[in-house]
Amino acid sequence: MIAPYFEKYYAILEHIVETRDREFSEAFMDQMSPAFMARDQDEKCFQAMLERCTPERQFFALFLKKQIETMEVTRKSRYLCENYKMD
């Protein structure tokens, strides 16, 4: 149900950061982020935005790094859950 909105999120995220104040941008980024899904295409989108990030938007770069880290932790957690065997 929510997957169709992920592309819209990526399409407007940089615009939100550029045109809104930091407080609004951070709230939007945190609440709407699809990082919890830990999909490869999400990581690629975040990574591409991180590569384009300018020094004046340091808070945005930190957010992007945090999202990539969240996806890595989620993937590791899923792997451990799927491969844990009870004797």
PDB file of N, CA and C in Angstrom:
ATOM      1  N   MET A   1       0.807  -1.202   0.000  1.00  0.00           N
ATOM      2  CA  MET A   1       0.000   0.000   0.000  1.00  0.00           C
ATOM      3  C   MET A   1       0.851   1.268   0.000  1.00  0.00           C
ATOM      4  N   ILE A   2       1.994   1.238   0.665  1.00  0.00           N
ATOM      5  CA  ILE A   2       2.784   2.457   0.761  1.00  0.00           C
ATOM      6  C   ILE A   2       3.880   2.566  -0.300  1.00  0.00           C
ATOM      7  N   ALA A   3       4.215   1.458  -0.930  1.00  0.00           N
ATOM      8  CA  ALA A   3       5.306   1.447  -1.911  1.00  0.00           C
ATOM      9  C   ALA A   3       5.149   2.481  -3.028  1.00  0.00           C
ATOM     10  N   PRO A   4       3.950   2.745  -3.548  1.00  0.00           N
ATOM     11  CA  PRO A   4       3.849   3.750  -4.620  1.00  0.00           C
ATOM     12  C   PRO A   4       4.278   5.158  -4.184  1.00  0.00           C
ATOM     13  N   TYR A   5       4.287   5.414  -2.899  1.00  0.00           N
ATOM     14  CA  TYR A   5       4.649   6.737  -2.404  1.00  0.00           C
ATOM     15  C   TYR A   5       6.154   6.931  -2.221  1.00  0.00           C
ATOM     16  N   PHE A   6       6.912   5.850  -2.252  1.00  0.00           N
ATOM     17  CA  PHE A   6       8.356   5.960  -2.062  1.00  0.00           C
ATOM     18  C   PHE A   6       9.001   6.799  -3.161  1.00  0.00           C
ATOM     19  N   GLU A   7       8.632   6.564  -4.403  1.00  0.00           N
ATOM     20  CA  GLU A   7       9.211   7.338  -5.504  1.00  0.00           C
ATOM     21  C   GLU A   7       8.856   8.816  -5.372  1.00  0.00           C
ATOM     22  N   LYS A   8       7.657   9.110  -4.916  1.00  0.00           N
ATOM     23  CA  LYS A   8       7.255  10.500  -4.700  1.00  0.00           C
ATOM     24  C   LYS A   8       8.109  11.132  -3.600  1.00  0.00           C
ATOM     25  N   TYR A   9       8.404  10.361  -2.565  1.00  0.00           N
ATOM     26  CA  TYR A   9       9.259  10.832  -1.477  1.00  0.00           C
ATOM     27  C   TYR A   9      10.621  11.251  -2.026  1.00  0.00           C
ATOM     28  N   TYR A  10      11.225  10.380  -2.827  1.00  0.00           N
ATOM     29  CA  TYR A  10      12.541  10.698  -3.387  1.00  0.00           C
ATOM     30  C   TYR A  10      12.467  11.865  -4.369  1.00  0.00           C
ATOM     31  N   ALA A  11      11.371  11.981  -5.078  1.00  0.00           N
ATOM     32  CA  ALA A  11      11.224  13.049  -6.068  1.00  0.00           C
ATOM     33  C   ALA A  11      11.168  14.427  -5.415  1.00  0.00           C
ATOM     34  N   ILE A  12      10.633  14.518  -4.210  1.00  0.00           N
ATOM     35  CA  ILE A  12      10.477  15.837  -3.581  1.00  0.00           C
ATOM     36  C   ILE A  12      11.407  16.078  -2.399  1.00  0.00           C
ATOM     37  N   LEU A  13      12.127  15.075  -1.951  1.00  0.00           N
ATOM     38  CA  LEU A  13      12.933  15.207  -0.737  1.00  0.00           C
ATOM     39  C   LEU A  13      13.944  16.355  -0.823  1.00  0.00           C
ATOM     40  N   GLU A  14      14.718  16.400  -1.871  1.00  0.00           N
ATOM     41  CA  GLU A  14      15.720  17.462  -1.988  1.00  0.00           C
ATOM     42  C   GLU A  14      15.054  18.840  -2.095  1.00  0.00           C
ATOM     43  N   HIS A  15      13.928  18.898  -2.755  1.00  0.00           N
ATOM     44  CA  HIS A  15      13.190  20.154  -2.863  1.00  0.00           C
ATOM     45  C   HIS A  15      12.717  20.625  -1.480  1.00  0.00           C
ATOM     46  N   ILE A  16      12.249  19.702  -0.670  1.00  0.00           N
ATOM     47  CA  ILE A  16      11.814  20.033   0.692  1.00  0.00           C
ATOM     48  C   ILE A  16      12.988  20.608   1.476  1.00  0.00           C
ATOM     49  N   VAL A  17      14.136  19.944   1.400  1.00  0.00           N
ATOM     50  CA  VAL A  17      15.315  20.400   2.143  1.00  0.00           C
ATOM     51  C   VAL A  17      15.762  21.782   1.673  1.00  0.00           C
ATOM     52  N   GLU A  18      15.651  22.041   0.389  1.00  0.00           N
ATOM     53  CA  GLU A  18      16.092  23.331  -0.163  1.00  0.00           C
ATOM     54  C   GLU A  18      15.117  24.473   0.131  1.00  0.00           C
ATOM     55  N   THR A  19      13.829  24.173   0.231  1.00  0.00           N
ATOM     56  CA  THR A  19      12.839  25.244   0.319  1.00  0.00           C
ATOM     57  C   THR A  19      12.193  25.419   1.691  1.00  0.00           C
ATOM     58  N   ARG A  20      12.342  24.450   2.559  1.00  0.00           N
ATOM     59  CA  ARG A  20      11.727  24.538   3.892  1.00  0.00           C
ATOM     60  C   ARG A  20      12.803  24.734   4.948  1.00  0.00           C
ATOM     61  N   ASP A  21      12.382  25.132   6.126  1.00  0.00           N
ATOM     62  CA  ASP A  21      13.358  25.297   7.196  1.00  0.00           C
ATOM     63  C   ASP A  21      13.816  23.931   7.695  1.00  0.00           C
ATOM     64  N   ARG A  22      14.900  23.954   8.444  1.00  0.00           N
ATOM     65  CA  ARG A  22      15.517  22.709   8.897  1.00  0.00           C
ATOM     66  C   ARG A  22      14.565  21.864   9.737  1.00  0.00           C
ATOM     67  N   GLU A  23      13.827  22.502  10.631  1.00  0.00           N
ATOM     68  CA  GLU A  23      12.913  21.764  11.513  1.00  0.00           C
ATOM     69  C   GLU A  23      11.853  21.010  10.705  1.00  0.00           C
ATOM     70  N   PHE A  24      11.233  21.680   9.752  1.00  0.00           N
ATOM     71  CA  PHE A  24      10.222  21.033   8.918  1.00  0.00           C
ATOM     72  C   PHE A  24      10.865  19.916   8.097  1.00  0.00           C
ATOM     73  N   SER A  25      12.024  20.210   7.506  1.00  0.00           N
ATOM     74  CA  SER A  25      12.714  19.213   6.676  1.00  0.00           C
ATOM     75  C   SER A  25      13.033  17.955   7.461  1.00  0.00           C
ATOM     76  N   GLU A  26      13.557  18.124   8.661  1.00  0.00           N
ATOM     77  CA  GLU A  26      13.907  16.956   9.476  1.00  0.00           C
ATOM     78  C   GLU A  26      12.674  16.149   9.860  1.00  0.00           C
ATOM     79  N   ALA A  27      11.600  16.819  10.205  1.00  0.00           N
ATOM     80  CA  ALA A  27      10.361  16.110  10.544  1.00  0.00           C
ATOM     81  C   ALA A  27       9.840  15.336   9.333  1.00  0.00           C
ATOM     82  N   PHE A  28       9.839  15.969   8.184  1.00  0.00           N
ATOM     83  CA  PHE A  28       9.376  15.308   6.961  1.00  0.00           C
ATOM     84  C   PHE A  28      10.249  14.099   6.644  1.00  0.00           C
ATOM     85  N   MET A  29      11.569  14.304   6.675  1.00  0.00           N
ATOM     86  CA  MET A  29      12.497  13.220   6.332  1.00  0.00           C
ATOM     87  C   MET A  29      12.326  12.028   7.270  1.00  0.00           C
ATOM     88  N   ASP A  30      12.262  12.300   8.563  1.00  0.00           N
ATOM     89  CA  ASP A  30      12.166  11.217   9.544  1.00  0.00           C
ATOM     90  C   ASP A  30      10.847  10.459   9.454  1.00  0.00           C
ATOM     91  N   GLN A  31       9.761  11.171   9.311  1.00  0.00           N
ATOM     92  CA  GLN A  31       8.444  10.527   9.336  1.00  0.00           C
ATOM     93  C   GLN A  31       8.098   9.786   8.052  1.00  0.00           C
ATOM     94  N   MET A  32       8.640  10.233   6.943  1.00  0.00           N
ATOM     95  CA  MET A  32       8.242   9.666   5.651  1.00  0.00           C
ATOM     96  C   MET A  32       9.269   8.703   5.056  1.00  0.00           C
ATOM     97  N   SER A  33      10.403   8.550   5.680  1.00  0.00           N
ATOM     98  CA  SER A  33      11.493   7.750   5.107  1.00  0.00           C
ATOM     99  C   SER A  33      11.118   6.275   4.933  1.00  0.00           C
ATOM    100  N   PRO A  34      11.407   5.720   3.761  1.00  0.00           N
ATOM    101  CA  PRO A  34      11.150   4.298   3.522  1.00  0.00           C
ATOM    102  C   PRO A  34      12.333   3.400   3.913  1.00  0.00           C
ATOM    103  N   ALA A  35      13.286   3.929   4.663  1.00  0.00           N
ATOM    104  CA  ALA A  35      14.483   3.154   5.021  1.00  0.00           C
ATOM    105  C   ALA A  35      14.148   1.869   5.770  1.00  0.00           C
ATOM    106  N   PHE A  36      13.047   1.857   6.501  1.00  0.00           N
ATOM    107  CA  PHE A  36      12.677   0.665   7.271  1.00  0.00           C
ATOM    108  C   PHE A  36      12.450  -0.558   6.386  1.00  0.00           C
ATOM    109  N   MET A  37      12.195  -0.322   5.097  1.00  0.00           N
ATOM    110  CA  MET A  37      11.981  -1.432   4.168  1.00  0.00           C
ATOM    111  C   MET A  37      13.303  -2.087   3.760  1.00  0.00           C
ATOM    112  N   ALA A  38      14.391  -1.331   3.840  1.00  0.00           N
ATOM    113  CA  ALA A  38      15.745  -1.801   3.526  1.00  0.00           C
ATOM    114  C   ALA A  38      15.840  -2.417   2.131  1.00  0.00           C
ATOM    115  N   ARG A  39      15.214  -1.760   1.175  1.00  0.00           N
ATOM    116  CA  ARG A  39      15.288  -2.235  -0.211  1.00  0.00           C
ATOM    117  C   ARG A  39      16.545  -1.677  -0.869  1.00  0.00           C
ATOM    118  N   ASP A  40      17.074  -2.429  -1.828  1.00  0.00           N
ATOM    119  CA  ASP A  40      18.275  -1.992  -2.530  1.00  0.00           C
ATOM    120  C   ASP A  40      18.059  -0.662  -3.247  1.00  0.00           C
ATOM    121  N   GLN A  41      16.906  -0.492  -3.880  1.00  0.00           N
ATOM    122  CA  GLN A  41      16.659   0.747  -4.621  1.00  0.00           C
ATOM    123  C   GLN A  41      16.585   1.953  -3.682  1.00  0.00           C
ATOM    124  N   ASP A  42      16.135   1.747  -2.439  1.00  0.00           N
ATOM    125  CA  ASP A  42      16.118   2.842  -1.473  1.00  0.00           C
ATOM    126  C   ASP A  42      17.541   3.255  -1.116  1.00  0.00           C
ATOM    127  N   GLU A  43      18.387   2.285  -0.894  1.00  0.00           N
ATOM    128  CA  GLU A  43      19.776   2.596  -0.571  1.00  0.00           C
ATOM    129  C   GLU A  43      20.449   3.338  -1.731  1.00  0.00           C
ATOM    130  N   LYS A  44      20.160   2.927  -2.949  1.00  0.00           N
ATOM    131  CA  LYS A  44      20.733   3.601  -4.117  1.00  0.00           C
ATOM    132  C   LYS A  44      20.260   5.048  -4.198  1.00  0.00           C
ATOM    133  N   CYS A  45      19.001   5.286  -3.915  1.00  0.00           N
ATOM    134  CA  CYS A  45      18.470   6.654  -3.939  1.00  0.00           C
ATOM    135  C   CYS A  45      19.133   7.514  -2.867  1.00  0.00           C
ATOM    136  N   PHE A  46      19.231   6.996  -1.654  1.00  0.00           N
ATOM    137  CA  PHE A  46      19.870   7.743  -0.579  1.00  0.00           C
ATOM    138  C   PHE A  46      21.344   7.996  -0.901  1.00  0.00           C
ATOM    139  N   GLN A  47      22.020   7.007  -1.438  1.00  0.00           N
ATOM    140  CA  GLN A  47      23.435   7.142  -1.776  1.00  0.00           C
ATOM    141  C   GLN A  47      23.631   8.198  -2.867  1.00  0.00           C
ATOM    142  N   ALA A  48      22.778   8.200  -3.869  1.00  0.00           N
ATOM    143  CA  ALA A  48      22.877   9.193  -4.947  1.00  0.00           C
ATOM    144  C   ALA A  48      22.663  10.604  -4.407  1.00  0.00           C
ATOM    145  N   MET A  49      21.704  10.773  -3.510  1.00  0.00           N
ATOM    146  CA  MET A  49      21.479  12.085  -2.912  1.00  0.00           C
ATOM    147  C   MET A  49      22.666  12.506  -2.047  1.00  0.00           C
ATOM    148  N   LEU A  50      23.248  11.547  -1.338  1.00  0.00           N
ATOM    149  CA  LEU A  50      24.410  11.844  -0.500  1.00  0.00           C
ATOM    150  C   LEU A  50      25.577  12.336  -1.356  1.00  0.00           C
ATOM    151  N   GLU A  51      25.766  11.738  -2.505  1.00  0.00           N
ATOM    152  CA  GLU A  51      26.848  12.149  -3.398  1.00  0.00           C
ATOM    153  C   GLU A  51      26.639  13.562  -3.936  1.00  0.00           C
ATOM    154  N   ARG A  52      25.400  13.993  -4.068  1.00  0.00           N
ATOM    155  CA  ARG A  52      25.087  15.337  -4.562  1.00  0.00           C
ATOM    156  C   ARG A  52      25.019  16.380  -3.446  1.00  0.00           C
ATOM    157  N   CYS A  53      25.082  15.944  -2.221  1.00  0.00           N
ATOM    158  CA  CYS A  53      24.885  16.833  -1.071  1.00  0.00           C
ATOM    159  C   CYS A  53      26.018  17.847  -0.949  1.00  0.00           C
ATOM    160  N   THR A  54      25.654  19.068  -0.672  1.00  0.00           N
ATOM    161  CA  THR A  54      26.639  20.142  -0.535  1.00  0.00           C
ATOM    162  C   THR A  54      26.965  20.377   0.944  1.00  0.00           C
ATOM    163  N   PRO A  55      28.120  20.975   1.215  1.00  0.00           N
ATOM    164  CA  PRO A  55      28.519  21.207   2.612  1.00  0.00           C
ATOM    165  C   PRO A  55      27.530  22.059   3.413  1.00  0.00           C
ATOM    166  N   GLU A  56      26.827  22.974   2.747  1.00  0.00           N
ATOM    167  CA  GLU A  56      25.875  23.793   3.494  1.00  0.00           C
ATOM    168  C   GLU A  56      24.668  22.993   3.986  1.00  0.00           C
ATOM    169  N   ARG A  57      24.457  21.816   3.458  1.00  0.00           N
ATOM    170  CA  ARG A  57      23.333  20.979   3.907  1.00  0.00           C
ATOM    171  C   ARG A  57      23.853  19.785   4.713  1.00  0.00           C
ATOM    172  N   GLN A  58      24.709  20.072   5.675  1.00  0.00           N
ATOM    173  CA  GLN A  58      25.318  19.022   6.497  1.00  0.00           C
ATOM    174  C   GLN A  58      24.270  18.172   7.215  1.00  0.00           C
ATOM    175  N   PHE A  59      23.211  18.794   7.715  1.00  0.00           N
ATOM    176  CA  PHE A  59      22.170  18.029   8.412  1.00  0.00           C
ATOM    177  C   PHE A  59      21.517  17.027   7.473  1.00  0.00           C
ATOM    178  N   PHE A  60      21.409  17.373   6.195  1.00  0.00           N
ATOM    179  CA  PHE A  60      20.828  16.464   5.208  1.00  0.00           C
ATOM    180  C   PHE A  60      21.773  15.286   4.962  1.00  0.00           C
ATOM    181  N   ALA A  61      23.062  15.556   4.868  1.00  0.00           N
ATOM    182  CA  ALA A  61      24.050  14.486   4.690  1.00  0.00           C
ATOM    183  C   ALA A  61      24.022  13.532   5.878  1.00  0.00           C
ATOM    184  N   LEU A  62      23.921  14.073   7.077  1.00  0.00           N
ATOM    185  CA  LEU A  62      23.854  13.215   8.272  1.00  0.00           C
ATOM    186  C   LEU A  62      22.595  12.350   8.251  1.00  0.00           C
ATOM    187  N   PHE A  63      21.481  12.936   7.836  1.00  0.00           N
ATOM    188  CA  PHE A  63      20.245  12.176   7.730  1.00  0.00           C
ATOM    189  C   PHE A  63      20.410  11.023   6.731  1.00  0.00           C
ATOM    190  N   LEU A  64      20.976  11.303   5.575  1.00  0.00           N
ATOM    191  CA  LEU A  64      21.143  10.276   4.542  1.00  0.00           C
ATOM    192  C   LEU A  64      22.043   9.149   5.040  1.00  0.00           C
ATOM    193  N   LYS A  65      23.126   9.498   5.708  1.00  0.00           N
ATOM    194  CA  LYS A  65      24.025   8.478   6.263  1.00  0.00           C
ATOM    195  C   LYS A  65      23.294   7.624   7.291  1.00  0.00           C
ATOM    196  N   LYS A  66      22.466   8.261   8.110  1.00  0.00           N
ATOM    197  CA  LYS A  66      21.699   7.530   9.127  1.00  0.00           C
ATOM    198  C   LYS A  66      20.722   6.552   8.472  1.00  0.00           C
ATOM    199  N   GLN A  67      20.101   6.957   7.382  1.00  0.00           N
ATOM    200  CA  GLN A  67      19.155   6.082   6.694  1.00  0.00           C
ATOM    201  C   GLN A  67      19.861   4.876   6.095  1.00  0.00           C
ATOM    202  N   ILE A  68      21.037   5.091   5.519  1.00  0.00           N
ATOM    203  CA  ILE A  68      21.821   3.989   4.953  1.00  0.00           C
ATOM    204  C   ILE A  68      22.240   3.034   6.060  1.00  0.00           C
ATOM    205  N   GLU A  69      22.643   3.575   7.190  1.00  0.00           N
ATOM    206  CA  GLU A  69      23.015   2.737   8.335  1.00  0.00           C
ATOM    207  C   GLU A  69      21.808   1.944   8.849  1.00  0.00           C
ATOM    208  N   THR A  70      20.652   2.569   8.916  1.00  0.00           N
ATOM    209  CA  THR A  70      19.426   1.894   9.347  1.00  0.00           C
ATOM    210  C   THR A  70      19.117   0.709   8.435  1.00  0.00           C
ATOM    211  N   MET A  71      19.296   0.889   7.149  1.00  0.00           N
ATOM    212  CA  MET A  71      19.038  -0.206   6.207  1.00  0.00           C
ATOM    213  C   MET A  71      20.015  -1.355   6.403  1.00  0.00           C
ATOM    214  N   GLU A  72      21.280  -1.037   6.680  1.00  0.00           N
ATOM    215  CA  GLU A  72      22.270  -2.085   6.931  1.00  0.00           C
ATOM    216  C   GLU A  72      21.914  -2.887   8.179  1.00  0.00           C
ATOM    217  N   VAL A  73      21.509  -2.203   9.234  1.00  0.00           N
ATOM    218  CA  VAL A  73      21.127  -2.871  10.483  1.00  0.00           C
ATOM    219  C   VAL A  73      19.888  -3.736  10.255  1.00  0.00           C
ATOM    220  N   THR A  74      18.929  -3.230   9.510  1.00  0.00           N
ATOM    221  CA  THR A  74      17.712  -3.985   9.213  1.00  0.00           C
ATOM    222  C   THR A  74      18.033  -5.249   8.428  1.00  0.00           C
ATOM    223  N   ARG A  75      18.895  -5.128   7.446  1.00  0.00           N
ATOM    224  CA  ARG A  75      19.283  -6.311   6.653  1.00  0.00           C
ATOM    225  C   ARG A  75      19.977  -7.353   7.520  1.00  0.00           C
ATOM    226  N   LYS A  76      20.890  -6.912   8.380  1.00  0.00           N
ATOM    227  CA  LYS A  76      21.584  -7.842   9.271  1.00  0.00           C
ATOM    228  C   LYS A  76      20.607  -8.514  10.224  1.00  0.00           C
ATOM    229  N   SER A  77      19.667  -7.751  10.731  1.00  0.00           N
ATOM    230  CA  SER A  77      18.660  -8.310  11.641  1.00  0.00           C
ATOM    231  C   SER A  77      17.804  -9.352  10.945  1.00  0.00           C
ATOM    232  N   ARG A  78      17.388  -9.042   9.736  1.00  0.00           N
ATOM    233  CA  ARG A  78      16.593 -10.007   8.969  1.00  0.00           C
ATOM    234  C   ARG A  78      17.377 -11.285   8.719  1.00  0.00           C
ATOM    235  N   TYR A  79      18.639 -11.128   8.362  1.00  0.00           N
ATOM    236  CA  TYR A  79      19.478 -12.300   8.105  1.00  0.00           C
ATOM    237  C   TYR A  79      19.583 -13.171   9.356  1.00  0.00           C
ATOM    238  N   LEU A  80      19.839 -12.546  10.495  1.00  0.00           N
ATOM    239  CA  LEU A  80      19.962 -13.310  11.735  1.00  0.00           C
ATOM    240  C   LEU A  80      18.652 -14.019  12.083  1.00  0.00           C
ATOM    241  N   CYS A  81      17.535 -13.332  11.897  1.00  0.00           N
ATOM    242  CA  CYS A  81      16.229 -13.938  12.192  1.00  0.00           C
ATOM    243  C   CYS A  81      15.933 -15.109  11.268  1.00  0.00           C
ATOM    244  N   GLU A  82      16.264 -14.958  10.006  1.00  0.00           N
ATOM    245  CA  GLU A  82      15.975 -16.002   9.033  1.00  0.00           C
ATOM    246  C   GLU A  82      16.891 -17.209   9.188  1.00  0.00           C
ATOM    247  N   ASN A  83      18.080 -17.005   9.725  1.00  0.00           N
ATOM    248  CA  ASN A  83      19.059 -18.083   9.803  1.00  0.00           C
ATOM    249  C   ASN A  83      19.287 -18.620  11.208  1.00  0.00           C
ATOM    250  N   TYR A  84      18.541 -18.111  12.166  1.00  0.00           N
ATOM    251  CA  TYR A  84      18.670 -18.599  13.531  1.00  0.00           C
ATOM    252  C   TYR A  84      17.982 -19.951  13.642  1.00  0.00           C
ATOM    253  N   LYS A  85      18.674 -20.890  14.207  1.00  0.00           N
ATOM    254  CA  LYS A  85      18.110 -22.232  14.367  1.00  0.00           C
ATOM    255  C   LYS A  85      18.085 -22.593  15.835  1.00  0.00           C
ATOM    256  N   MET A  86      16.928 -23.024  16.238  1.00  0.00           N
ATOM    257  CA  MET A  86      16.796 -23.475  17.631  1.00  0.00           C
ATOM    258  C   MET A  86      17.031 -24.973  17.655  1.00  0.00           C
ATOM    259  N   ASP A  87      17.841 -25.416  18.588  1.00  0.00           N
ATOM    260  CA  ASP A  87      18.134 -26.847  18.701  1.00  0.00           C
ATOM    261  C   ASP A  87      17.158 -27.541  19.589  1.00  0.00           C
TER     262      ASP A  87
END
